[in-house]
PDB file of N, CA and C in Angstrom:
ATOM      1  N   UNK A   1     -34.116 -25.390  36.477  1.00  0.00           N
ATOM      2  CA  UNK A   1     -34.015 -25.838  37.841  1.00  0.00           C
ATOM      3  C   UNK A   1     -32.743 -26.660  37.995  1.00  0.00           C
ATOM      4  N   UNK A   2     -32.052 -26.491  39.106  1.00  0.00           N
ATOM      5  CA  UNK A   2     -30.798 -27.185  39.346  1.00  0.00           C
ATOM      6  C   UNK A   2     -31.050 -28.666  39.607  1.00  0.00           C
ATOM      7  N   UNK A   3     -30.152 -29.539  39.116  1.00  0.00           N
ATOM      8  CA  UNK A   3     -30.350 -30.975  39.302  1.00  0.00           C
ATOM      9  C   UNK A   3     -30.442 -31.372  40.770  1.00  0.00           C
ATOM     10  N   UNK A   4     -29.724 -30.695  41.699  1.00  0.00           N
ATOM     11  CA  UNK A   4     -29.767 -31.087  43.096  1.00  0.00           C
ATOM     12  C   UNK A   4     -31.119 -30.807  43.745  1.00  0.00           C
ATOM     13  N   UNK A   5     -32.008 -30.084  43.059  1.00  0.00           N
ATOM     14  CA  UNK A   5     -33.334 -29.815  43.589  1.00  0.00           C
ATOM     15  C   UNK A   5     -34.332 -30.900  43.230  1.00  0.00           C
ATOM     16  N   UNK A   6     -33.906 -31.918  42.507  1.00  0.00           N
ATOM     17  CA  UNK A   6     -34.816 -32.972  42.063  1.00  0.00           C
ATOM     18  C   UNK A   6     -34.543 -34.253  42.831  1.00  0.00           C
ATOM     19  N   UNK A   7     -35.609 -34.949  43.206  1.00  0.00           N
ATOM     20  CA  UNK A   7     -35.505 -36.245  43.860  1.00  0.00           C
ATOM     21  C   UNK A   7     -36.217 -37.273  43.012  1.00  0.00           C
ATOM     22  N   UNK A   8     -35.611 -38.432  42.839  1.00  0.00           N
ATOM     23  CA  UNK A   8     -36.325 -39.496  42.142  1.00  0.00           C
ATOM     24  C   UNK A   8     -37.194 -40.228  43.148  1.00  0.00           C
ATOM     25  N   UNK A   9     -38.178 -40.966  42.654  1.00  0.00           N
ATOM     26  CA  UNK A   9     -39.050 -41.719  43.547  1.00  0.00           C
ATOM     27  C   UNK A   9     -38.272 -42.769  44.326  1.00  0.00           C
ATOM     28  N   UNK A  10     -37.220 -43.308  43.724  1.00  0.00           N
ATOM     29  CA  UNK A  10     -36.407 -44.304  44.412  1.00  0.00           C
ATOM     30  C   UNK A  10     -35.716 -43.710  45.631  1.00  0.00           C
ATOM     31  N   UNK A  11     -35.324 -42.439  45.573  1.00  0.00           N
ATOM     32  CA  UNK A  11     -34.670 -41.792  46.698  1.00  0.00           C
ATOM     33  C   UNK A  11     -35.628 -41.566  47.858  1.00  0.00           C
ATOM     34  N   UNK A  12     -36.937 -41.538  47.568  1.00  0.00           N
ATOM     35  CA  UNK A  12     -37.923 -41.304  48.606  1.00  0.00           C
ATOM     36  C   UNK A  12     -38.342 -42.573  49.328  1.00  0.00           C
ATOM     37  N   UNK A  13     -37.991 -43.750  48.789  1.00  0.00           N
ATOM     38  CA  UNK A  13     -38.386 -45.004  49.412  1.00  0.00           C
ATOM     39  C   UNK A  13     -37.776 -45.119  50.797  1.00  0.00           C
ATOM     40  N   UNK A  14     -38.550 -45.592  51.728  1.00  0.00           N
ATOM     41  CA  UNK A  14     -38.046 -45.801  53.073  1.00  0.00           C
ATOM     42  C   UNK A  14     -38.036 -44.552  53.930  1.00  0.00           C
ATOM     43  N   UNK A  15     -38.532 -43.426  53.426  1.00  0.00           N
ATOM     44  CA  UNK A  15     -38.525 -42.203  54.214  1.00  0.00           C
ATOM     45  C   UNK A  15     -39.707 -42.124  55.165  1.00  0.00           C
ATOM     46  N   UNK A  16     -40.754 -42.925  54.935  1.00  0.00           N
ATOM     47  CA  UNK A  16     -41.927 -42.812  55.789  1.00  0.00           C
ATOM     48  C   UNK A  16     -42.605 -44.137  55.990  1.00  0.00           C
ATOM     49  N   UNK A  17     -43.690 -44.096  56.765  1.00  0.00           N
ATOM     50  CA  UNK A  17     -44.471 -45.291  57.036  1.00  0.00           C
ATOM     51  C   UNK A  17     -45.560 -45.453  56.007  1.00  0.00           C
ATOM     52  N   UNK A  18     -46.638 -46.103  56.424  1.00  0.00           N
ATOM     53  CA  UNK A  18     -47.752 -46.363  55.525  1.00  0.00           C
ATOM     54  C   UNK A  18     -48.644 -45.150  55.328  1.00  0.00           C
ATOM     55  N   UNK A  19     -48.605 -44.171  56.271  1.00  0.00           N
ATOM     56  CA  UNK A  19     -49.476 -43.014  56.178  1.00  0.00           C
ATOM     57  C   UNK A  19     -48.858 -41.939  55.304  1.00  0.00           C
ATOM     58  N   UNK A  20     -49.691 -41.121  54.641  1.00  0.00           N
ATOM     59  CA  UNK A  20     -49.153 -39.976  53.928  1.00  0.00           C
ATOM     60  C   UNK A  20     -48.427 -39.068  54.899  1.00  0.00           C
ATOM     61  N   UNK A  21     -47.354 -38.449  54.450  1.00  0.00           N
ATOM     62  CA  UNK A  21     -46.617 -37.547  55.311  1.00  0.00           C
ATOM     63  C   UNK A  21     -45.501 -38.234  56.067  1.00  0.00           C
ATOM     64  N   UNK A  22     -45.253 -39.525  55.792  1.00  0.00           N
ATOM     65  CA  UNK A  22     -44.089 -40.168  56.371  1.00  0.00           C
ATOM     66  C   UNK A  22     -44.341 -40.976  57.625  1.00  0.00           C
ATOM     67  N   UNK A  23     -45.579 -41.345  57.931  1.00  0.00           N
ATOM     68  CA  UNK A  23     -45.834 -42.169  59.091  1.00  0.00           C
ATOM     69  C   UNK A  23     -45.574 -41.403  60.363  1.00  0.00           C
ATOM     70  N   UNK A  24     -45.240 -42.152  61.450  1.00  0.00           N
ATOM     71  CA  UNK A  24     -45.031 -41.456  62.695  1.00  0.00           C
ATOM     72  C   UNK A  24     -43.580 -41.515  63.148  1.00  0.00           C
ATOM     73  N   UNK A  25     -42.640 -41.724  62.261  1.00  0.00           N
ATOM     74  CA  UNK A  25     -41.226 -41.684  62.596  1.00  0.00           C
ATOM     75  C   UNK A  25     -40.818 -40.251  62.880  1.00  0.00           C
ATOM     76  N   UNK A  26     -39.911 -40.083  63.814  1.00  0.00           N
ATOM     77  CA  UNK A  26     -39.371 -38.756  64.061  1.00  0.00           C
ATOM     78  C   UNK A  26     -40.342 -37.805  64.728  1.00  0.00           C
ATOM     79  N   UNK A  27     -41.178 -38.288  65.656  1.00  0.00           N
ATOM     80  CA  UNK A  27     -41.999 -37.369  66.426  1.00  0.00           C
ATOM     81  C   UNK A  27     -43.433 -37.235  65.973  1.00  0.00           C
ATOM     82  N   UNK A  28     -44.032 -38.263  65.379  1.00  0.00           N
ATOM     83  CA  UNK A  28     -45.457 -38.214  65.047  1.00  0.00           C
ATOM     84  C   UNK A  28     -45.788 -37.394  63.827  1.00  0.00           C
ATOM     85  N   UNK A  29     -44.976 -37.461  62.762  1.00  0.00           N
ATOM     86  CA  UNK A  29     -45.213 -36.676  61.550  1.00  0.00           C
ATOM     87  C   UNK A  29     -46.560 -36.919  60.922  1.00  0.00           C
ATOM     88  N   UNK A  30     -47.073 -38.167  60.954  1.00  0.00           N
ATOM     89  CA  UNK A  30     -48.368 -38.473  60.367  1.00  0.00           C
ATOM     90  C   UNK A  30     -49.503 -37.790  61.106  1.00  0.00           C
ATOM     91  N   UNK A  31     -49.438 -37.774  62.418  1.00  0.00           N
ATOM     92  CA  UNK A  31     -50.497 -37.137  63.201  1.00  0.00           C
ATOM     93  C   UNK A  31     -50.476 -35.630  63.035  1.00  0.00           C
ATOM     94  N   UNK A  32     -49.320 -35.041  62.838  1.00  0.00           N
ATOM     95  CA  UNK A  32     -49.225 -33.595  62.635  1.00  0.00           C
ATOM     96  C   UNK A  32     -49.908 -33.180  61.339  1.00  0.00           C
ATOM     97  N   UNK A  33     -49.935 -34.054  60.342  1.00  0.00           N
ATOM     98  CA  UNK A  33     -50.503 -33.732  59.040  1.00  0.00           C
ATOM     99  C   UNK A  33     -51.980 -34.097  58.916  1.00  0.00           C
ATOM    100  N   UNK A  34     -52.549 -34.791  59.897  1.00  0.00           N
ATOM    101  CA  UNK A  34     -53.941 -35.219  59.802  1.00  0.00           C
ATOM    102  C   UNK A  34     -54.894 -34.061  59.534  1.00  0.00           C
ATOM    103  N   UNK A  35     -54.587 -32.881  60.026  1.00  0.00           N
ATOM    104  CA  UNK A  35     -55.466 -31.723  59.860  1.00  0.00           C
ATOM    105  C   UNK A  35     -55.597 -31.300  58.405  1.00  0.00           C
ATOM    106  N   UNK A  36     -54.634 -31.643  57.560  1.00  0.00           N
ATOM    107  CA  UNK A  36     -54.680 -31.207  56.162  1.00  0.00           C
ATOM    108  C   UNK A  36     -55.068 -32.321  55.190  1.00  0.00           C
ATOM    109  N   UNK A  37     -55.325 -33.525  55.683  1.00  0.00           N
ATOM    110  CA  UNK A  37     -55.668 -34.639  54.800  1.00  0.00           C
ATOM    111  C   UNK A  37     -56.900 -34.376  53.946  1.00  0.00           C
ATOM    112  N   UNK A  38     -57.866 -33.633  54.451  1.00  0.00           N
ATOM    113  CA  UNK A  38     -59.110 -33.395  53.729  1.00  0.00           C
ATOM    114  C   UNK A  38     -59.147 -32.062  52.990  1.00  0.00           C
ATOM    115  N   UNK A  39     -58.027 -31.357  52.922  1.00  0.00           N
ATOM    116  CA  UNK A  39     -57.983 -30.075  52.205  1.00  0.00           C
ATOM    117  C   UNK A  39     -57.916 -30.359  50.708  1.00  0.00           C
ATOM    118  N   UNK A  40     -58.862 -29.834  49.927  1.00  0.00           N
ATOM    119  CA  UNK A  40     -58.832 -30.080  48.480  1.00  0.00           C
ATOM    120  C   UNK A  40     -57.716 -29.283  47.804  1.00  0.00           C
ATOM    121  N   UNK A  41     -57.092 -29.890  46.817  1.00  0.00           N
ATOM    122  CA  UNK A  41     -56.059 -29.226  46.016  1.00  0.00           C
ATOM    123  C   UNK A  41     -56.368 -29.446  44.544  1.00  0.00           C
ATOM    124  N   UNK A  42     -55.880 -28.550  43.697  1.00  0.00           N
ATOM    125  CA  UNK A  42     -56.060 -28.682  42.258  1.00  0.00           C
ATOM    126  C   UNK A  42     -54.792 -29.296  41.670  1.00  0.00           C
ATOM    127  N   UNK A  43     -54.952 -30.424  40.985  1.00  0.00           N
ATOM    128  CA  UNK A  43     -53.824 -31.111  40.357  1.00  0.00           C
ATOM    129  C   UNK A  43     -53.959 -30.954  38.848  1.00  0.00           C
ATOM    130  N   UNK A  44     -52.882 -30.479  38.199  1.00  0.00           N
ATOM    131  CA  UNK A  44     -52.875 -30.283  36.747  1.00  0.00           C
ATOM    132  C   UNK A  44     -51.687 -31.007  36.147  1.00  0.00           C
ATOM    133  N   UNK A  45     -51.904 -31.668  35.033  1.00  0.00           N
ATOM    134  CA  UNK A  45     -50.832 -32.316  34.283  1.00  0.00           C
ATOM    135  C   UNK A  45     -50.707 -31.581  32.952  1.00  0.00           C
ATOM    136  N   UNK A  46     -49.566 -30.959  32.719  1.00  0.00           N
ATOM    137  CA  UNK A  46     -49.365 -30.124  31.534  1.00  0.00           C
ATOM    138  C   UNK A  46     -48.553 -30.897  30.508  1.00  0.00           C
ATOM    139  N   UNK A  47     -49.196 -31.177  29.369  1.00  0.00           N
ATOM    140  CA  UNK A  47     -48.527 -31.907  28.288  1.00  0.00           C
ATOM    141  C   UNK A  47     -47.498 -31.046  27.585  1.00  0.00           C
ATOM    142  N   UNK A  48     -47.758 -29.765  27.503  1.00  0.00           N
ATOM    143  CA  UNK A  48     -46.870 -28.831  26.827  1.00  0.00           C
ATOM    144  C   UNK A  48     -47.541 -27.487  26.695  1.00  0.00           C
ATOM    145  N   UNK A  49     -46.822 -26.535  26.140  1.00  0.00           N
ATOM    146  CA  UNK A  49     -47.347 -25.183  25.987  1.00  0.00           C
ATOM    147  C   UNK A  49     -47.090 -24.690  24.568  1.00  0.00           C
ATOM    148  N   UNK A  50     -47.898 -23.716  24.161  1.00  0.00           N
ATOM    149  CA  UNK A  50     -47.731 -23.087  22.849  1.00  0.00           C
ATOM    150  C   UNK A  50     -48.064 -21.602  22.997  1.00  0.00           C
ATOM    151  N   UNK A  51     -47.400 -20.784  22.217  1.00  0.00           N
ATOM    152  CA  UNK A  51     -47.675 -19.350  22.193  1.00  0.00           C
ATOM    153  C   UNK A  51     -48.152 -18.991  20.796  1.00  0.00           C
ATOM    154  N   UNK A  52     -49.252 -18.230  20.736  1.00  0.00           N
ATOM    155  CA  UNK A  52     -49.768 -17.805  19.442  1.00  0.00           C
ATOM    156  C   UNK A  52     -50.505 -16.486  19.598  1.00  0.00           C
ATOM    157  N   UNK A  53     -50.694 -15.825  18.495  1.00  0.00           N
ATOM    158  CA  UNK A  53     -51.432 -14.571  18.494  1.00  0.00           C
ATOM    159  C   UNK A  53     -52.925 -14.863  18.519  1.00  0.00           C
ATOM    160  N   UNK A  54     -53.700 -13.888  19.007  1.00  0.00           N
ATOM    161  CA  UNK A  54     -55.149 -14.053  19.079  1.00  0.00           C
ATOM    162  C   UNK A  54     -55.721 -14.351  17.690  1.00  0.00           C
ATOM    163  N   UNK A  55     -55.188 -13.704  16.660  1.00  0.00           N
ATOM    164  CA  UNK A  55     -55.694 -13.938  15.304  1.00  0.00           C
ATOM    165  C   UNK A  55     -55.500 -15.397  14.892  1.00  0.00           C
ATOM    166  N   UNK A  56     -54.372 -16.004  15.287  1.00  0.00           N
ATOM    167  CA  UNK A  56     -54.140 -17.419  14.988  1.00  0.00           C
ATOM    168  C   UNK A  56     -55.103 -18.296  15.795  1.00  0.00           C
ATOM    169  N   UNK A  57     -55.337 -17.923  17.041  1.00  0.00           N
ATOM    170  CA  UNK A  57     -56.244 -18.675  17.889  1.00  0.00           C
ATOM    171  C   UNK A  57     -57.655 -18.688  17.324  1.00  0.00           C
ATOM    172  N   UNK A  58     -58.092 -17.544  16.812  1.00  0.00           N
ATOM    173  CA  UNK A  58     -59.444 -17.441  16.258  1.00  0.00           C
ATOM    174  C   UNK A  58     -59.619 -18.246  14.976  1.00  0.00           C
ATOM    175  N   UNK A  59     -58.537 -18.541  14.280  1.00  0.00           N
ATOM    176  CA  UNK A  59     -58.605 -19.323  13.047  1.00  0.00           C
ATOM    177  C   UNK A  59     -58.670 -20.829  13.305  1.00  0.00           C
ATOM    178  N   UNK A  60     -58.430 -21.252  14.553  1.00  0.00           N
ATOM    179  CA  UNK A  60     -58.451 -22.676  14.866  1.00  0.00           C
ATOM    180  C   UNK A  60     -59.875 -23.219  14.764  1.00  0.00           C
ATOM    181  N   UNK A  61     -59.989 -24.400  14.270  1.00  0.00           N
ATOM    182  CA  UNK A  61     -61.288 -25.060  14.155  1.00  0.00           C
ATOM    183  C   UNK A  61     -61.137 -26.528  14.477  1.00  0.00           C
ATOM    184  N   UNK A  62     -62.211 -27.249  14.311  1.00  0.00           N
ATOM    185  CA  UNK A  62     -62.193 -28.689  14.570  1.00  0.00           C
ATOM    186  C   UNK A  62     -61.124 -29.351  13.705  1.00  0.00           C
ATOM    187  N   UNK A  63     -60.309 -30.170  14.315  1.00  0.00           N
ATOM    188  CA  UNK A  63     -59.254 -30.887  13.607  1.00  0.00           C
ATOM    189  C   UNK A  63     -57.944 -30.122  13.529  1.00  0.00           C
ATOM    190  N   UNK A  64     -57.923 -28.874  14.000  1.00  0.00           N
ATOM    191  CA  UNK A  64     -56.681 -28.097  13.982  1.00  0.00           C
ATOM    192  C   UNK A  64     -55.669 -28.727  14.935  1.00  0.00           C
ATOM    193  N   UNK A  65     -54.414 -28.633  14.586  1.00  0.00           N
ATOM    194  CA  UNK A  65     -53.334 -29.169  15.413  1.00  0.00           C
ATOM    195  C   UNK A  65     -52.518 -28.004  15.955  1.00  0.00           C
ATOM    196  N   UNK A  66     -52.339 -27.981  17.262  1.00  0.00           N
ATOM    197  CA  UNK A  66     -51.508 -26.968  17.906  1.00  0.00           C
ATOM    198  C   UNK A  66     -50.221 -27.660  18.340  1.00  0.00           C
ATOM    199  N   UNK A  67     -49.103 -27.197  17.801  1.00  0.00           N
ATOM    200  CA  UNK A  67     -47.811 -27.795  18.126  1.00  0.00           C
ATOM    201  C   UNK A  67     -47.354 -27.309  19.498  1.00  0.00           C
ATOM    202  N   UNK A  68     -47.021 -28.258  20.372  1.00  0.00           N
ATOM    203  CA  UNK A  68     -46.576 -27.941  21.724  1.00  0.00           C
ATOM    204  C   UNK A  68     -45.055 -27.946  21.803  1.00  0.00           C
ATOM    205  N   UNK A  69     -44.544 -27.436  22.904  1.00  0.00           N
ATOM    206  CA  UNK A  69     -43.099 -27.310  23.079  1.00  0.00           C
ATOM    207  C   UNK A  69     -42.431 -28.580  23.605  1.00  0.00           C
ATOM    208  N   UNK A  70     -43.126 -29.704  23.605  1.00  0.00           N
ATOM    209  CA  UNK A  70     -42.572 -30.968  24.102  1.00  0.00           C
ATOM    210  C   UNK A  70     -42.459 -31.973  22.971  1.00  0.00           C
ATOM    211  N   UNK A  71     -41.537 -32.899  23.137  1.00  0.00           N
ATOM    212  CA  UNK A  71     -41.365 -33.980  22.169  1.00  0.00           C
ATOM    213  C   UNK A  71     -42.090 -35.229  22.682  1.00  0.00           C
ATOM    214  N   UNK A  72     -42.385 -36.134  21.777  1.00  0.00           N
ATOM    215  CA  UNK A  72     -43.024 -37.398  22.131  1.00  0.00           C
ATOM    216  C   UNK A  72     -42.120 -38.140  23.113  1.00  0.00           C
ATOM    217  N   UNK A  73     -42.694 -38.628  24.197  1.00  0.00           N
ATOM    218  CA  UNK A  73     -41.933 -39.368  25.187  1.00  0.00           C
ATOM    219  C   UNK A  73     -41.296 -38.510  26.262  1.00  0.00           C
ATOM    220  N   UNK A  74     -41.311 -37.205  26.096  1.00  0.00           N
ATOM    221  CA  UNK A  74     -40.727 -36.303  27.088  1.00  0.00           C
ATOM    222  C   UNK A  74     -41.663 -36.215  28.299  1.00  0.00           C
ATOM    223  N   UNK A  75     -41.097 -36.083  29.490  1.00  0.00           N
ATOM    224  CA  UNK A  75     -41.884 -36.024  30.718  1.00  0.00           C
ATOM    225  C   UNK A  75     -42.816 -34.816  30.712  1.00  0.00           C
ATOM    226  N   UNK A  76     -43.978 -34.994  31.339  1.00  0.00           N
ATOM    227  CA  UNK A  76     -44.926 -33.890  31.470  1.00  0.00           C
ATOM    228  C   UNK A  76     -44.787 -33.292  32.872  1.00  0.00           C
ATOM    229  N   UNK A  77     -45.220 -32.049  33.029  1.00  0.00           N
ATOM    230  CA  UNK A  77     -45.141 -31.371  34.316  1.00  0.00           C
ATOM    231  C   UNK A  77     -46.429 -31.597  35.104  1.00  0.00           C
ATOM    232  N   UNK A  78     -46.298 -31.848  36.401  1.00  0.00           N
ATOM    233  CA  UNK A  78     -47.438 -32.050  37.287  1.00  0.00           C
ATOM    234  C   UNK A  78     -47.424 -30.923  38.320  1.00  0.00           C
ATOM    235  N   UNK A  79     -48.520 -30.180  38.335  1.00  0.00           N
ATOM    236  CA  UNK A  79     -48.650 -29.042  39.243  1.00  0.00           C
ATOM    237  C   UNK A  79     -49.706 -29.334  40.294  1.00  0.00           C
ATOM    238  N   UNK A  80     -49.478 -28.864  41.517  1.00  0.00           N
ATOM    239  CA  UNK A  80     -50.489 -28.864  42.569  1.00  0.00           C
ATOM    240  C   UNK A  80     -50.665 -27.407  42.988  1.00  0.00           C
ATOM    241  N   UNK A  81     -51.903 -26.916  42.842  1.00  0.00           N
ATOM    242  CA  UNK A  81     -52.210 -25.508  43.119  1.00  0.00           C
ATOM    243  C   UNK A  81     -51.236 -24.573  42.400  1.00  0.00           C
ATOM    244  N   UNK A  82     -51.029 -24.834  41.120  1.00  0.00           N
ATOM    245  CA  UNK A  82     -50.171 -24.020  40.244  1.00  0.00           C
ATOM    246  C   UNK A  82     -48.706 -24.016  40.639  1.00  0.00           C
ATOM    247  N   UNK A  83     -48.270 -24.994  41.396  1.00  0.00           N
ATOM    248  CA  UNK A  83     -46.863 -25.116  41.773  1.00  0.00           C
ATOM    249  C   UNK A  83     -46.323 -26.434  41.244  1.00  0.00           C
ATOM    250  N   UNK A  84     -45.214 -26.382  40.504  1.00  0.00           N
ATOM    251  CA  UNK A  84     -44.614 -27.584  39.942  1.00  0.00           C
ATOM    252  C   UNK A  84     -44.105 -28.467  41.077  1.00  0.00           C
ATOM    253  N   UNK A  85     -44.619 -29.707  41.134  1.00  0.00           N
ATOM    254  CA  UNK A  85     -44.200 -30.612  42.206  1.00  0.00           C
ATOM    255  C   UNK A  85     -43.591 -31.916  41.691  1.00  0.00           C
ATOM    256  N   UNK A  86     -43.832 -32.236  40.404  1.00  0.00           N
ATOM    257  CA  UNK A  86     -43.334 -33.513  39.897  1.00  0.00           C
ATOM    258  C   UNK A  86     -43.329 -33.516  38.375  1.00  0.00           C
ATOM    259  N   UNK A  87     -42.685 -34.533  37.819  1.00  0.00           N
ATOM    260  CA  UNK A  87     -42.743 -34.811  36.385  1.00  0.00           C
ATOM    261  C   UNK A  87     -43.184 -36.257  36.246  1.00  0.00           C
ATOM    262  N   UNK A  88     -43.800 -36.565  35.113  1.00  0.00           N
ATOM    263  CA  UNK A  88     -44.303 -37.920  34.959  1.00  0.00           C
ATOM    264  C   UNK A  88     -44.587 -38.292  33.526  1.00  0.00           C
ATOM    265  N   UNK A  89     -45.256 -39.437  33.377  1.00  0.00           N
ATOM    266  CA  UNK A  89     -45.602 -39.986  32.068  1.00  0.00           C
ATOM    267  C   UNK A  89     -47.101 -40.219  32.002  1.00  0.00           C
ATOM    268  N   UNK A  90     -47.661 -40.055  30.813  1.00  0.00           N
ATOM    269  CA  UNK A  90     -49.083 -40.298  30.606  1.00  0.00           C
ATOM    270  C   UNK A  90     -49.303 -41.805  30.500  1.00  0.00           C
ATOM    271  N   UNK A  91     -50.359 -42.286  31.196  1.00  0.00           N
ATOM    272  CA  UNK A  91     -50.725 -43.697  31.146  1.00  0.00           C
ATOM    273  C   UNK A  91     -52.231 -43.797  30.903  1.00  0.00           C
ATOM    274  N   UNK A  92     -52.700 -44.990  30.511  1.00  0.00           N
ATOM    275  CA  UNK A  92     -54.127 -45.234  30.330  1.00  0.00           C
ATOM    276  C   UNK A  92     -54.581 -46.171  31.432  1.00  0.00           C
ATOM    277  N   UNK A  93     -55.640 -45.781  32.155  1.00  0.00           N
ATOM    278  CA  UNK A  93     -56.187 -46.575  33.245  1.00  0.00           C
ATOM    279  C   UNK A  93     -57.679 -46.749  32.998  1.00  0.00           C
ATOM    280  N   UNK A  94     -58.090 -47.957  32.660  1.00  0.00           N
ATOM    281  CA  UNK A  94     -59.509 -48.244  32.409  1.00  0.00           C
ATOM    282  C   UNK A  94     -60.147 -47.214  31.478  1.00  0.00           C
ATOM    283  N   UNK A  95     -59.594 -46.999  30.345  1.00  0.00           N
ATOM    284  CA  UNK A  95     -60.084 -46.079  29.314  1.00  0.00           C
ATOM    285  C   UNK A  95     -59.999 -44.608  29.705  1.00  0.00           C
ATOM    286  N   UNK A  96     -59.317 -44.282  30.794  1.00  0.00           N
ATOM    287  CA  UNK A  96     -59.105 -42.901  31.195  1.00  0.00           C
ATOM    288  C   UNK A  96     -57.611 -42.598  31.152  1.00  0.00           C
ATOM    289  N   UNK A  97     -57.278 -41.343  30.891  1.00  0.00           N
ATOM    290  CA  UNK A  97     -55.880 -40.934  30.946  1.00  0.00           C
ATOM    291  C   UNK A  97     -55.481 -40.719  32.394  1.00  0.00           C
ATOM    292  N   UNK A  98     -54.250 -41.050  32.706  1.00  0.00           N
ATOM    293  CA  UNK A  98     -53.697 -40.843  34.038  1.00  0.00           C
ATOM    294  C   UNK A  98     -52.250 -40.417  33.916  1.00  0.00           C
ATOM    295  N   UNK A  99     -51.634 -40.182  35.043  1.00  0.00           N
ATOM    296  CA  UNK A  99     -50.234 -39.755  35.074  1.00  0.00           C
ATOM    297  C   UNK A  99     -49.491 -40.578  36.111  1.00  0.00           C
ATOM    298  N   UNK A 100     -48.343 -41.107  35.727  1.00  0.00           N
ATOM    299  CA  UNK A 100     -47.456 -41.783  36.652  1.00  0.00           C
ATOM    300  C   UNK A 100     -46.323 -40.827  36.999  1.00  0.00           C
ATOM    301  N   UNK A 101     -46.149 -40.536  38.274  1.00  0.00           N
ATOM    302  CA  UNK A 101     -45.056 -39.637  38.677  1.00  0.00           C
ATOM    303  C   UNK A 101     -43.740 -40.393  38.610  1.00  0.00           C
ATOM    304  N   UNK A 102     -42.782 -39.827  37.906  1.00  0.00           N
ATOM    305  CA  UNK A 102     -41.464 -40.454  37.773  1.00  0.00           C
ATOM    306  C   UNK A 102     -40.385 -39.666  38.494  1.00  0.00           C
ATOM    307  N   UNK A 103     -40.685 -38.417  38.836  1.00  0.00           N
ATOM    308  CA  UNK A 103     -39.692 -37.563  39.484  1.00  0.00           C
ATOM    309  C   UNK A 103     -40.416 -36.530  40.353  1.00  0.00           C
ATOM    310  N   UNK A 104     -40.004 -36.428  41.607  1.00  0.00           N
ATOM    311  CA  UNK A 104     -40.543 -35.425  42.522  1.00  0.00           C
ATOM    312  C   UNK A 104     -39.613 -34.226  42.493  1.00  0.00           C
ATOM    313  N   UNK A 105     -40.181 -33.030  42.371  1.00  0.00           N
ATOM    314  CA  UNK A 105     -39.379 -31.814  42.344  1.00  0.00           C
ATOM    315  C   UNK A 105     -39.285 -31.270  43.756  1.00  0.00           C
ATOM    316  N   UNK A 106     -38.088 -31.186  44.264  1.00  0.00           N
ATOM    317  CA  UNK A 106     -37.871 -30.641  45.602  1.00  0.00           C
ATOM    318  C   UNK A 106     -37.827 -29.126  45.485  1.00  0.00           C
ATOM    319  N   UNK A 107     -38.832 -28.457  46.061  1.00  0.00           N
ATOM    320  CA  UNK A 107     -38.926 -27.007  45.975  1.00  0.00           C
ATOM    321  C   UNK A 107     -38.191 -26.323  47.099  1.00  0.00           C
ATOM    322  N   UNK A 108     -37.806 -25.068  46.872  1.00  0.00           N
ATOM    323  CA  UNK A 108     -37.162 -24.267  47.906  1.00  0.00           C
ATOM    324  C   UNK A 108     -38.248 -23.671  48.789  1.00  0.00           C
ATOM    325  N   UNK A 109     -38.162 -23.861  50.071  1.00  0.00           N
ATOM    326  CA  UNK A 109     -39.128 -23.314  51.032  1.00  0.00           C
ATOM    327  C   UNK A 109     -38.549 -22.039  51.624  1.00  0.00           C
ATOM    328  N   UNK A 110     -38.955 -20.895  51.063  1.00  0.00           N
ATOM    329  CA  UNK A 110     -38.409 -19.629  51.553  1.00  0.00           C
ATOM    330  C   UNK A 110     -39.348 -18.977  52.527  1.00  0.00           C
TER     331      UNK A 110
END
């Protein structure tokens, strides 16, 4: 992906109001989005990927280690409905894993 397609979170500051979708600046943007606020989406955080043959997969057992294509400390991919929308870091929140978004991916709207 080209670098100009990526936005940092700092670049997004000040673009909107308190409501999701940018508040009501520029013609009521927040009210236009109210219809989709309750639409469920699937959010996935991908730590990394691995490719293996079925025979290798069948040999895996408890305690097996699958090497992923990412290095320690490297950003993870965050998908919404199978579309890459951000990159982030894994965090721990009250004994649960979470993700902090560090970079928003600006997608091409064709």
